[in-house]
Amino acid sequence: MIKIYHNPRCSKSREGVQILENSKVDFEIVKYLDDNLSEKELTQIIHLLKISPLDLVRKNEKIWKENFKGNNYTELELIEILTKNPKLIERPIVVNNKKALVGRPPSVILSIL
């Protein structure tokens, strides 16, 4: 089952959902701002993305700039920061079996279907 980690307030995330709907595939929407990801789940997603936790951080967010920017964190610390501050997670994230990608631009989502 395809999952899209979605923020309805984000235009790129909404575009990602639209791409999945237009593709006529079965998928699940995970509104990660409402139902926070666990550290284990986020770790699994990062592993599938084949990136570091820092690469998943939205570095232009006010929360990041005011509270975390300029500090060095371990990967575990970054995962904890992201789970406690899900607004910092880049979006949308699409997971299909053992593959995942960040849908930026949203058109890349087609490559994972």
PDB file of N, CA and C in Angstrom:
ATOM      1  N   MET A   1       0.847  -1.192   0.000  1.00  0.00           N
ATOM      2  CA  MET A   1       0.000   0.000   0.000  1.00  0.00           C
ATOM      3  C   MET A   1       0.886   1.246   0.000  1.00  0.00           C
ATOM      4  N   ILE A   2       0.593   2.155  -0.873  1.00  0.00           N
ATOM      5  CA  ILE A   2       1.309   3.422  -0.953  1.00  0.00           C
ATOM      6  C   ILE A   2       0.809   4.328   0.163  1.00  0.00           C
ATOM      7  N   LYS A   3       1.746   5.020   0.796  1.00  0.00           N
ATOM      8  CA  LYS A   3       1.400   6.006   1.819  1.00  0.00           C
ATOM      9  C   LYS A   3       1.968   7.347   1.404  1.00  0.00           C
ATOM     10  N   ILE A   4       1.180   8.383   1.649  1.00  0.00           N
ATOM     11  CA  ILE A   4       1.693   9.737   1.462  1.00  0.00           C
ATOM     12  C   ILE A   4       1.588  10.448   2.810  1.00  0.00           C
ATOM     13  N   TYR A   5       2.709  10.945   3.271  1.00  0.00           N
ATOM     14  CA  TYR A   5       2.752  11.720   4.513  1.00  0.00           C
ATOM     15  C   TYR A   5       2.479  13.157   4.092  1.00  0.00           C
ATOM     16  N   HIS A   6       1.311  13.642   4.518  1.00  0.00           N
ATOM     17  CA  HIS A   6       0.670  14.796   3.908  1.00  0.00           C
ATOM     18  C   HIS A   6       0.376  15.888   4.920  1.00  0.00           C
ATOM     19  N   ASN A   7       0.613  17.121   4.478  1.00  0.00           N
ATOM     20  CA  ASN A   7       0.200  18.304   5.220  1.00  0.00           C
ATOM     21  C   ASN A   7      -0.781  19.057   4.322  1.00  0.00           C
ATOM     22  N   PRO A   8      -2.084  19.037   4.664  1.00  0.00           N
ATOM     23  CA  PRO A   8      -3.093  19.673   3.812  1.00  0.00           C
ATOM     24  C   PRO A   8      -2.868  21.161   3.565  1.00  0.00           C
ATOM     25  N   ARG A   9      -2.083  21.814   4.400  1.00  0.00           N
ATOM     26  CA  ARG A   9      -1.844  23.251   4.230  1.00  0.00           C
ATOM     27  C   ARG A   9      -0.724  23.538   3.230  1.00  0.00           C
ATOM     28  N   CYS A  10      -0.029  22.494   2.787  1.00  0.00           N
ATOM     29  CA  CYS A  10       1.104  22.647   1.882  1.00  0.00           C
ATOM     30  C   CYS A  10       0.665  22.386   0.440  1.00  0.00           C
ATOM     31  N   SER A  11       0.915  23.339  -0.446  1.00  0.00           N
ATOM     32  CA  SER A  11       0.486  23.183  -1.839  1.00  0.00           C
ATOM     33  C   SER A  11       1.186  22.021  -2.527  1.00  0.00           C
ATOM     34  N   LYS A  12       2.469  21.802  -2.247  1.00  0.00           N
ATOM     35  CA  LYS A  12       3.192  20.681  -2.857  1.00  0.00           C
ATOM     36  C   LYS A  12       2.616  19.354  -2.380  1.00  0.00           C
ATOM     37  N   SER A  13       2.239  19.309  -1.136  1.00  0.00           N
ATOM     38  CA  SER A  13       1.648  18.099  -0.577  1.00  0.00           C
ATOM     39  C   SER A  13       0.273  17.842  -1.204  1.00  0.00           C
ATOM     40  N   ARG A  14      -0.506  18.882  -1.363  1.00  0.00           N
ATOM     41  CA  ARG A  14      -1.811  18.730  -2.022  1.00  0.00           C
ATOM     42  C   ARG A  14      -1.638  18.274  -3.467  1.00  0.00           C
ATOM     43  N   GLU A  15      -0.629  18.803  -4.156  1.00  0.00           N
ATOM     44  CA  GLU A  15      -0.342  18.365  -5.525  1.00  0.00           C
ATOM     45  C   GLU A  15       0.025  16.883  -5.546  1.00  0.00           C
ATOM     46  N   GLY A  16       0.785  16.445  -4.536  1.00  0.00           N
ATOM     47  CA  GLY A  16       1.164  15.044  -4.440  1.00  0.00           C
ATOM     48  C   GLY A  16      -0.042  14.129  -4.299  1.00  0.00           C
ATOM     49  N   VAL A  17      -0.987  14.512  -3.465  1.00  0.00           N
ATOM     50  CA  VAL A  17      -2.223  13.737  -3.306  1.00  0.00           C
ATOM     51  C   VAL A  17      -2.976  13.695  -4.625  1.00  0.00           C
ATOM     52  N   GLN A  18      -3.037  14.820  -5.319  1.00  0.00           N
ATOM     53  CA  GLN A  18      -3.738  14.890  -6.603  1.00  0.00           C
ATOM     54  C   GLN A  18      -3.096  13.947  -7.624  1.00  0.00           C
ATOM     55  N   ILE A  19      -1.781  13.885  -7.649  1.00  0.00           N
ATOM     56  CA  ILE A  19      -1.076  12.977  -8.570  1.00  0.00           C
ATOM     57  C   ILE A  19      -1.460  11.533  -8.274  1.00  0.00           C
ATOM     58  N   LEU A  20      -1.499  11.171  -6.999  1.00  0.00           N
ATOM     59  CA  LEU A  20      -1.872   9.805  -6.633  1.00  0.00           C
ATOM     60  C   LEU A  20      -3.322   9.518  -7.012  1.00  0.00           C
ATOM     61  N   GLU A  21      -4.209  10.472  -6.767  1.00  0.00           N
ATOM     62  CA  GLU A  21      -5.622  10.282  -7.133  1.00  0.00           C
ATOM     63  C   GLU A  21      -5.770  10.115  -8.643  1.00  0.00           C
ATOM     64  N   ASN A  22      -5.067  10.922  -9.413  1.00  0.00           N
ATOM     65  CA  ASN A  22      -5.139  10.842 -10.870  1.00  0.00           C
ATOM     66  C   ASN A  22      -4.542   9.548 -11.412  1.00  0.00           C
ATOM     67  N   SER A  23      -3.628   8.965 -10.655  1.00  0.00           N
ATOM     68  CA  SER A  23      -2.981   7.720 -11.086  1.00  0.00           C
ATOM     69  C   SER A  23      -3.839   6.497 -10.805  1.00  0.00           C
ATOM     70  N   LYS A  24      -4.943   6.710 -10.110  1.00  0.00           N
ATOM     71  CA  LYS A  24      -5.890   5.617  -9.815  1.00  0.00           C
ATOM     72  C   LYS A  24      -5.253   4.469  -9.034  1.00  0.00           C
ATOM     73  N   VAL A  25      -4.305   4.791  -8.158  1.00  0.00           N
ATOM     74  CA  VAL A  25      -3.694   3.771  -7.307  1.00  0.00           C
ATOM     75  C   VAL A  25      -4.324   3.851  -5.923  1.00  0.00           C
ATOM     76  N   ASP A  26      -4.299   2.740  -5.214  1.00  0.00           N
ATOM     77  CA  ASP A  26      -4.761   2.754  -3.827  1.00  0.00           C
ATOM     78  C   ASP A  26      -3.657   3.362  -2.978  1.00  0.00           C
ATOM     79  N   PHE A  27      -4.034   4.286  -2.123  1.00  0.00           N
ATOM     80  CA  PHE A  27      -3.039   4.890  -1.240  1.00  0.00           C
ATOM     81  C   PHE A  27      -3.706   5.343   0.051  1.00  0.00           C
ATOM     82  N   GLU A  28      -2.862   5.512   1.026  1.00  0.00           N
ATOM     83  CA  GLU A  28      -3.300   5.966   2.351  1.00  0.00           C
ATOM     84  C   GLU A  28      -2.681   7.325   2.616  1.00  0.00           C
ATOM     85  N   ILE A  29      -3.485   8.236   3.134  1.00  0.00           N
ATOM     86  CA  ILE A  29      -2.988   9.552   3.526  1.00  0.00           C
ATOM     87  C   ILE A  29      -2.683   9.525   5.021  1.00  0.00           C
ATOM     88  N   VAL A  30      -1.476   9.911   5.366  1.00  0.00           N
ATOM     89  CA  VAL A  30      -1.078  10.031   6.768  1.00  0.00           C
ATOM     90  C   VAL A  30      -0.872  11.515   7.045  1.00  0.00           C
ATOM     91  N   LYS A  31      -1.761  12.073   7.834  1.00  0.00           N
ATOM     92  CA  LYS A  31      -1.632  13.488   8.214  1.00  0.00           C
ATOM     93  C   LYS A  31      -0.714  13.550   9.441  1.00  0.00           C
ATOM     94  N   TYR A  32       0.572  13.609   9.154  1.00  0.00           N
ATOM     95  CA  TYR A  32       1.581  13.465  10.200  1.00  0.00           C
ATOM     96  C   TYR A  32       1.598  14.622  11.198  1.00  0.00           C
ATOM     97  N   LEU A  33       0.965  15.737  10.879  1.00  0.00           N
ATOM     98  CA  LEU A  33       0.881  16.824  11.859  1.00  0.00           C
ATOM     99  C   LEU A  33      -0.182  16.527  12.912  1.00  0.00           C
ATOM    100  N   ASP A  34      -1.201  15.750  12.520  1.00  0.00           N
ATOM    101  CA  ASP A  34      -2.268  15.374  13.449  1.00  0.00           C
ATOM    102  C   ASP A  34      -1.877  14.137  14.255  1.00  0.00           C
ATOM    103  N   ASP A  35      -1.298  13.163  13.574  1.00  0.00           N
ATOM    104  CA  ASP A  35      -0.883  11.910  14.207  1.00  0.00           C
ATOM    105  C   ASP A  35       0.631  11.824  14.115  1.00  0.00           C
ATOM    106  N   ASN A  36       1.294  12.375  15.118  1.00  0.00           N
ATOM    107  CA  ASN A  36       2.755  12.442  15.081  1.00  0.00           C
ATOM    108  C   ASN A  36       3.378  11.085  14.797  1.00  0.00           C
ATOM    109  N   LEU A  37       4.446  11.107  14.013  1.00  0.00           N
ATOM    110  CA  LEU A  37       5.207   9.901  13.732  1.00  0.00           C
ATOM    111  C   LEU A  37       6.016   9.519  14.963  1.00  0.00           C
ATOM    112  N   SER A  38       6.158   8.230  15.184  1.00  0.00           N
ATOM    113  CA  SER A  38       7.037   7.774  16.266  1.00  0.00           C
ATOM    114  C   SER A  38       8.479   7.871  15.778  1.00  0.00           C
ATOM    115  N   GLU A  39       9.410   7.838  16.698  1.00  0.00           N
ATOM    116  CA  GLU A  39      10.816   7.860  16.324  1.00  0.00           C
ATOM    117  C   GLU A  39      11.147   6.637  15.472  1.00  0.00           C
ATOM    118  N   LYS A  40      10.561   5.493  15.800  1.00  0.00           N
ATOM    119  CA  LYS A  40      10.810   4.272  15.037  1.00  0.00           C
ATOM    120  C   LYS A  40      10.297   4.423  13.605  1.00  0.00           C
ATOM    121  N   GLU A  41       9.076   4.935  13.457  1.00  0.00           N
ATOM    122  CA  GLU A  41       8.498   5.097  12.124  1.00  0.00           C
ATOM    123  C   GLU A  41       9.306   6.091  11.300  1.00  0.00           C
ATOM    124  N   LEU A  42       9.693   7.205  11.901  1.00  0.00           N
ATOM    125  CA  LEU A  42      10.471   8.205  11.178  1.00  0.00           C
ATOM    126  C   LEU A  42      11.843   7.641  10.794  1.00  0.00           C
ATOM    127  N   THR A  43      12.446   6.875  11.668  1.00  0.00           N
ATOM    128  CA  THR A  43      13.733   6.242  11.362  1.00  0.00           C
ATOM    129  C   THR A  43      13.604   5.315  10.159  1.00  0.00           C
ATOM    130  N   GLN A  44      12.519   4.556  10.110  1.00  0.00           N
ATOM    131  CA  GLN A  44      12.287   3.661   8.972  1.00  0.00           C
ATOM    132  C   GLN A  44      12.112   4.451   7.677  1.00  0.00           C
ATOM    133  N   ILE A  45      11.378   5.531   7.728  1.00  0.00           N
ATOM    134  CA  ILE A  45      11.164   6.368   6.545  1.00  0.00           C
ATOM    135  C   ILE A  45      12.496   6.945   6.068  1.00  0.00           C
ATOM    136  N   ILE A  46      13.292   7.458   6.983  1.00  0.00           N
ATOM    137  CA  ILE A  46      14.598   8.034   6.632  1.00  0.00           C
ATOM    138  C   ILE A  46      15.487   6.967   5.996  1.00  0.00           C
ATOM    139  N   HIS A  47      15.430   5.758   6.535  1.00  0.00           N
ATOM    140  CA  HIS A  47      16.206   4.650   5.965  1.00  0.00           C
ATOM    141  C   HIS A  47      15.763   4.374   4.522  1.00  0.00           C
ATOM    142  N   LEU A  48      14.448   4.354   4.278  1.00  0.00           N
ATOM    143  CA  LEU A  48      13.929   4.117   2.932  1.00  0.00           C
ATOM    144  C   LEU A  48      14.296   5.262   1.977  1.00  0.00           C
ATOM    145  N   LEU A  49      14.327   6.468   2.496  1.00  0.00           N
ATOM    146  CA  LEU A  49      14.685   7.635   1.683  1.00  0.00           C
ATOM    147  C   LEU A  49      16.174   7.655   1.338  1.00  0.00           C
ATOM    148  N   LYS A  50      16.965   6.938   2.138  1.00  0.00           N
ATOM    149  CA  LYS A  50      18.425   6.885   1.954  1.00  0.00           C
ATOM    150  C   LYS A  50      19.043   8.274   2.071  1.00  0.00           C
ATOM    151  N   ILE A  51      18.590   8.999   3.100  1.00  0.00           N
ATOM    152  CA  ILE A  51      19.116  10.329   3.389  1.00  0.00           C
ATOM    153  C   ILE A  51      19.427  10.406   4.877  1.00  0.00           C
ATOM    154  N   SER A  52      20.079  11.468   5.269  1.00  0.00           N
ATOM    155  CA  SER A  52      20.303  11.698   6.701  1.00  0.00           C
ATOM    156  C   SER A  52      19.095  12.455   7.257  1.00  0.00           C
ATOM    157  N   PRO A  53      18.868  12.359   8.548  1.00  0.00           N
ATOM    158  CA  PRO A  53      17.753  13.118   9.139  1.00  0.00           C
ATOM    159  C   PRO A  53      17.843  14.617   8.842  1.00  0.00           C
ATOM    160  N   LEU A  54      19.056  15.148   8.782  1.00  0.00           N
ATOM    161  CA  LEU A  54      19.214  16.579   8.506  1.00  0.00           C
ATOM    162  C   LEU A  54      18.678  16.943   7.124  1.00  0.00           C
ATOM    163  N   ASP A  55      18.773  16.014   6.179  1.00  0.00           N
ATOM    164  CA  ASP A  55      18.271  16.274   4.828  1.00  0.00           C
ATOM    165  C   ASP A  55      16.749  16.352   4.775  1.00  0.00           C
ATOM    166  N   LEU A  56      16.083  15.897   5.818  1.00  0.00           N
ATOM    167  CA  LEU A  56      14.620  15.908   5.872  1.00  0.00           C
ATOM    168  C   LEU A  56      14.084  17.160   6.576  1.00  0.00           C
ATOM    169  N   VAL A  57      14.987  17.963   7.112  1.00  0.00           N
ATOM    170  CA  VAL A  57      14.588  19.154   7.876  1.00  0.00           C
ATOM    171  C   VAL A  57      14.273  20.318   6.942  1.00  0.00           C
ATOM    172  N   ARG A  58      13.148  20.961   7.203  1.00  0.00           N
ATOM    173  CA  ARG A  58      12.784  22.207   6.516  1.00  0.00           C
ATOM    174  C   ARG A  58      13.515  23.338   7.232  1.00  0.00           C
ATOM    175  N   LYS A  59      14.664  23.697   6.698  1.00  0.00           N
ATOM    176  CA  LYS A  59      15.566  24.619   7.390  1.00  0.00           C
ATOM    177  C   LYS A  59      15.118  26.079   7.359  1.00  0.00           C
ATOM    178  N   ASN A  60      14.121  26.407   6.563  1.00  0.00           N
ATOM    179  CA  ASN A  60      13.623  27.783   6.531  1.00  0.00           C
ATOM    180  C   ASN A  60      12.471  28.020   7.500  1.00  0.00           C
ATOM    181  N   GLU A  61      12.051  26.967   8.186  1.00  0.00           N
ATOM    182  CA  GLU A  61      10.970  27.130   9.172  1.00  0.00           C
ATOM    183  C   GLU A  61      11.463  27.949  10.369  1.00  0.00           C
ATOM    184  N   LYS A  62      10.597  28.789  10.872  1.00  0.00           N
ATOM    185  CA  LYS A  62      10.919  29.648  12.009  1.00  0.00           C
ATOM    186  C   LYS A  62      11.377  28.830  13.220  1.00  0.00           C
ATOM    187  N   ILE A  63      10.706  27.703  13.461  1.00  0.00           N
ATOM    188  CA  ILE A  63      11.057  26.842  14.608  1.00  0.00           C
ATOM    189  C   ILE A  63      12.521  26.415  14.519  1.00  0.00           C
ATOM    190  N   TRP A  64      12.946  26.027  13.313  1.00  0.00           N
ATOM    191  CA  TRP A  64      14.328  25.584  13.128  1.00  0.00           C
ATOM    192  C   TRP A  64      15.299  26.742  13.355  1.00  0.00           C
ATOM    193  N   LYS A  65      15.018  27.866  12.708  1.00  0.00           N
ATOM    194  CA  LYS A  65      15.919  29.015  12.794  1.00  0.00           C
ATOM    195  C   LYS A  65      16.066  29.525  14.221  1.00  0.00           C
ATOM    196  N   GLU A  66      14.973  29.546  14.961  1.00  0.00           N
ATOM    197  CA  GLU A  66      15.001  30.120  16.309  1.00  0.00           C
ATOM    198  C   GLU A  66      15.518  29.160  17.370  1.00  0.00           C
ATOM    199  N   ASN A  67      15.352  27.846  17.154  1.00  0.00           N
ATOM    200  CA  ASN A  67      15.663  26.905  18.225  1.00  0.00           C
ATOM    201  C   ASN A  67      16.789  25.921  17.941  1.00  0.00           C
ATOM    202  N   PHE A  68      17.070  25.652  16.674  1.00  0.00           N
ATOM    203  CA  PHE A  68      17.990  24.553  16.378  1.00  0.00           C
ATOM    204  C   PHE A  68      19.138  24.904  15.438  1.00  0.00           C
ATOM    205  N   LYS A  69      18.967  25.891  14.583  1.00  0.00           N
ATOM    206  CA  LYS A  69      19.971  26.229  13.585  1.00  0.00           C
ATOM    207  C   LYS A  69      21.314  26.543  14.229  1.00  0.00           C
ATOM    208  N   GLY A  70      22.374  26.066  13.587  1.00  0.00           N
ATOM    209  CA  GLY A  70      23.722  26.379  14.063  1.00  0.00           C
ATOM    210  C   GLY A  70      24.260  25.421  15.097  1.00  0.00           C
ATOM    211  N   ASN A  71      23.444  24.489  15.548  1.00  0.00           N
ATOM    212  CA  ASN A  71      23.889  23.493  16.527  1.00  0.00           C
ATOM    213  C   ASN A  71      24.171  22.176  15.814  1.00  0.00           C
ATOM    214  N   ASN A  72      25.039  21.381  16.402  1.00  0.00           N
ATOM    215  CA  ASN A  72      25.325  20.053  15.865  1.00  0.00           C
ATOM    216  C   ASN A  72      24.517  19.026  16.629  1.00  0.00           C
ATOM    217  N   TYR A  73      23.833  18.164  15.894  1.00  0.00           N
ATOM    218  CA  TYR A  73      23.003  17.131  16.502  1.00  0.00           C
ATOM    219  C   TYR A  73      23.385  15.773  15.941  1.00  0.00           C
ATOM    220  N   THR A  74      23.234  14.761  16.768  1.00  0.00           N
ATOM    221  CA  THR A  74      23.391  13.403  16.265  1.00  0.00           C
ATOM    222  C   THR A  74      22.149  13.059  15.451  1.00  0.00           C
ATOM    223  N   GLU A  75      22.221  11.966  14.702  1.00  0.00           N
ATOM    224  CA  GLU A  75      21.050  11.549  13.935  1.00  0.00           C
ATOM    225  C   GLU A  75      19.877  11.245  14.867  1.00  0.00           C
ATOM    226  N   LEU A  76      20.151  10.606  15.991  1.00  0.00           N
ATOM    227  CA  LEU A  76      19.081  10.290  16.946  1.00  0.00           C
ATOM    228  C   LEU A  76      18.455  11.557  17.515  1.00  0.00           C
ATOM    229  N   GLU A  77      19.284  12.550  17.811  1.00  0.00           N
ATOM    230  CA  GLU A  77      18.746  13.822  18.318  1.00  0.00           C
ATOM    231  C   GLU A  77      17.877  14.510  17.268  1.00  0.00           C
ATOM    232  N   LEU A  78      18.314  14.475  16.004  1.00  0.00           N
ATOM    233  CA  LEU A  78      17.519  15.080  14.935  1.00  0.00           C
ATOM    234  C   LEU A  78      16.183  14.371  14.761  1.00  0.00           C
ATOM    235  N   ILE A  79      16.190  13.059  14.845  1.00  0.00           N
ATOM    236  CA  ILE A  79      14.936  12.309  14.735  1.00  0.00           C
ATOM    237  C   ILE A  79      13.999  12.689  15.875  1.00  0.00           C
ATOM    238  N   GLU A  80      14.539  12.843  17.066  1.00  0.00           N
ATOM    239  CA  GLU A  80      13.716  13.267  18.200  1.00  0.00           C
ATOM    240  C   GLU A  80      13.157  14.673  17.972  1.00  0.00           C
ATOM    241  N   ILE A  81      13.983  15.582  17.466  1.00  0.00           N
ATOM    242  CA  ILE A  81      13.529  16.943  17.164  1.00  0.00           C
ATOM    243  C   ILE A  81      12.399  16.910  16.137  1.00  0.00           C
ATOM    244  N   LEU A  82      12.559  16.105  15.094  1.00  0.00           N
ATOM    245  CA  LEU A  82      11.543  16.024  14.047  1.00  0.00           C
ATOM    246  C   LEU A  82      10.236  15.425  14.552  1.00  0.00           C
ATOM    247  N   THR A  83      10.322  14.420  15.416  1.00  0.00           N
ATOM    248  CA  THR A  83       9.078  13.828  15.925  1.00  0.00           C
ATOM    249  C   THR A  83       8.357  14.788  16.869  1.00  0.00           C
ATOM    250  N   LYS A  84       9.105  15.602  17.583  1.00  0.00           N
ATOM    251  CA  LYS A  84       8.486  16.571  18.491  1.00  0.00           C
ATOM    252  C   LYS A  84       8.036  17.844  17.769  1.00  0.00           C
ATOM    253  N   ASN A  85       8.603  18.079  16.586  1.00  0.00           N
ATOM    254  CA  ASN A  85       8.284  19.266  15.792  1.00  0.00           C
ATOM    255  C   ASN A  85       8.007  18.841  14.350  1.00  0.00           C
ATOM    256  N   PRO A  86       6.906  18.132  14.103  1.00  0.00           N
ATOM    257  CA  PRO A  86       6.671  17.554  12.768  1.00  0.00           C
ATOM    258  C   PRO A  86       6.554  18.595  11.656  1.00  0.00           C
ATOM    259  N   LYS A  87       6.309  19.841  12.008  1.00  0.00           N
ATOM    260  CA  LYS A  87       6.257  20.897  10.996  1.00  0.00           C
ATOM    261  C   LYS A  87       7.599  21.036  10.280  1.00  0.00           C
ATOM    262  N   LEU A  88       8.663  20.554  10.918  1.00  0.00           N
ATOM    263  CA  LEU A  88       9.998  20.646  10.334  1.00  0.00           C
ATOM    264  C   LEU A  88      10.274  19.568   9.288  1.00  0.00           C
ATOM    265  N   ILE A  89       9.382  18.590   9.154  1.00  0.00           N
ATOM    266  CA  ILE A  89       9.604  17.484   8.228  1.00  0.00           C
ATOM    267  C   ILE A  89       9.238  17.912   6.806  1.00  0.00           C
ATOM    268  N   GLU A  90      10.190  17.704   5.894  1.00  0.00           N
ATOM    269  CA  GLU A  90       9.950  18.000   4.475  1.00  0.00           C
ATOM    270  C   GLU A  90       8.779  17.171   3.975  1.00  0.00           C
ATOM    271  N   ARG A  91       8.020  17.707   3.036  1.00  0.00           N
ATOM    272  CA  ARG A  91       6.824  17.030   2.562  1.00  0.00           C
ATOM    273  C   ARG A  91       6.561  17.337   1.110  1.00  0.00           C
ATOM    274  N   PRO A  92       5.745  16.517   0.493  1.00  0.00           N
ATOM    275  CA  PRO A  92       5.186  15.257   0.977  1.00  0.00           C
ATOM    276  C   PRO A  92       6.208  14.132   0.846  1.00  0.00           C
ATOM    277  N   ILE A  93       6.050  13.125   1.673  1.00  0.00           N
ATOM    278  CA  ILE A  93       6.861  11.914   1.573  1.00  0.00           C
ATOM    279  C   ILE A  93       5.935  10.814   1.079  1.00  0.00           C
ATOM    280  N   VAL A  94       6.374  10.089   0.061  1.00  0.00           N
ATOM    281  CA  VAL A  94       5.599   8.976  -0.467  1.00  0.00           C
ATOM    282  C   VAL A  94       6.402   7.703  -0.280  1.00  0.00           C
ATOM    283  N   VAL A  95       5.746   6.690   0.289  1.00  0.00           N
ATOM    284  CA  VAL A  95       6.373   5.388   0.512  1.00  0.00           C
ATOM    285  C   VAL A  95       5.579   4.346  -0.266  1.00  0.00           C
ATOM    286  N   ASN A  96       6.296   3.559  -1.053  1.00  0.00           N
ATOM    287  CA  ASN A  96       5.689   2.466  -1.806  1.00  0.00           C
ATOM    288  C   ASN A  96       6.567   1.241  -1.591  1.00  0.00           C
ATOM    289  N   ASN A  97       6.074   0.329  -0.754  1.00  0.00           N
ATOM    290  CA  ASN A  97       6.830  -0.868  -0.365  1.00  0.00           C
ATOM    291  C   ASN A  97       8.161  -0.469   0.250  1.00  0.00           C
ATOM    292  N   LYS A  98       9.256  -0.812  -0.388  1.00  0.00           N
ATOM    293  CA  LYS A  98      10.572  -0.535   0.192  1.00  0.00           C
ATOM    294  C   LYS A  98      11.264   0.649  -0.472  1.00  0.00           C
ATOM    295  N   LYS A  99      10.460   1.507  -1.106  1.00  0.00           N
ATOM    296  CA  LYS A  99      10.971   2.714  -1.741  1.00  0.00           C
ATOM    297  C   LYS A  99      10.267   3.921  -1.136  1.00  0.00           C
ATOM    298  N   ALA A 100      10.987   5.029  -1.109  1.00  0.00           N
ATOM    299  CA  ALA A 100      10.393   6.270  -0.602  1.00  0.00           C
ATOM    300  C   ALA A 100      11.059   7.454  -1.284  1.00  0.00           C
ATOM    301  N   LEU A 101      10.327   8.542  -1.336  1.00  0.00           N
ATOM    302  CA  LEU A 101      10.903   9.776  -1.860  1.00  0.00           C
ATOM    303  C   LEU A 101      10.163  10.963  -1.283  1.00  0.00           C
ATOM    304  N   VAL A 102      10.840  12.103  -1.328  1.00  0.00           N
ATOM    305  CA  VAL A 102      10.204  13.371  -0.978  1.00  0.00           C
ATOM    306  C   VAL A 102       9.689  13.940  -2.290  1.00  0.00           C
ATOM    307  N   GLY A 103       8.411  14.243  -2.336  1.00  0.00           N
ATOM    308  CA  GLY A 103       7.766  14.689  -3.561  1.00  0.00           C
ATOM    309  C   GLY A 103       8.001  16.140  -3.883  1.00  0.00           C
ATOM    310  N   ARG A 104       9.235  16.496  -4.106  1.00  0.00           N
ATOM    311  CA  ARG A 104       9.609  17.859  -4.501  1.00  0.00           C
ATOM    312  C   ARG A 104      10.524  17.790  -5.692  1.00  0.00           C
ATOM    313  N   PRO A 105      10.081  18.178  -6.835  1.00  0.00           N
ATOM    314  CA  PRO A 105       8.733  18.627  -7.157  1.00  0.00           C
ATOM    315  C   PRO A 105       7.754  17.454  -7.128  1.00  0.00           C
ATOM    316  N   PRO A 106       6.474  17.725  -6.972  1.00  0.00           N
ATOM    317  CA  PRO A 106       5.496  16.639  -6.869  1.00  0.00           C
ATOM    318  C   PRO A 106       5.523  15.659  -8.037  1.00  0.00           C
ATOM    319  N   SER A 107       5.929  16.089  -9.206  1.00  0.00           N
ATOM    320  CA  SER A 107       5.951  15.194 -10.371  1.00  0.00           C
ATOM    321  C   SER A 107       6.857  13.974 -10.179  1.00  0.00           C
ATOM    322  N   VAL A 108       7.838  14.059  -9.281  1.00  0.00           N
ATOM    323  CA  VAL A 108       8.713  12.895  -9.064  1.00  0.00           C
ATOM    324  C   VAL A 108       7.962  11.712  -8.447  1.00  0.00           C
ATOM    325  N   ILE A 109       6.791  11.981  -7.900  1.00  0.00           N
ATOM    326  CA  ILE A 109       5.992  10.920  -7.287  1.00  0.00           C
ATOM    327  C   ILE A 109       5.655   9.848  -8.323  1.00  0.00           C
ATOM    328  N   LEU A 110       5.491  10.230  -9.557  1.00  0.00           N
ATOM    329  CA  LEU A 110       5.180   9.277 -10.619  1.00  0.00           C
ATOM    330  C   LEU A 110       6.251   8.188 -10.730  1.00  0.00           C
ATOM    331  N   SER A 111       7.479   8.505 -10.387  1.00  0.00           N
ATOM    332  CA  SER A 111       8.583   7.539 -10.523  1.00  0.00           C
ATOM    333  C   SER A 111       8.526   6.416  -9.502  1.00  0.00           C
ATOM    334  N   ILE A 112       7.719   6.560  -8.475  1.00  0.00           N
ATOM    335  CA  ILE A 112       7.655   5.546  -7.418  1.00  0.00           C
ATOM    336  C   ILE A 112       6.422   4.659  -7.553  1.00  0.00           C
ATOM    337  N   LEU A 113       5.534   4.979  -8.494  1.00  0.00           N
ATOM    338  CA  LEU A 113       4.291   4.217  -8.637  1.00  0.00           C
ATOM    339  C   LEU A 113       4.513   2.901  -9.362  1.00  0.00           C
TER     340      LEU A 113
END
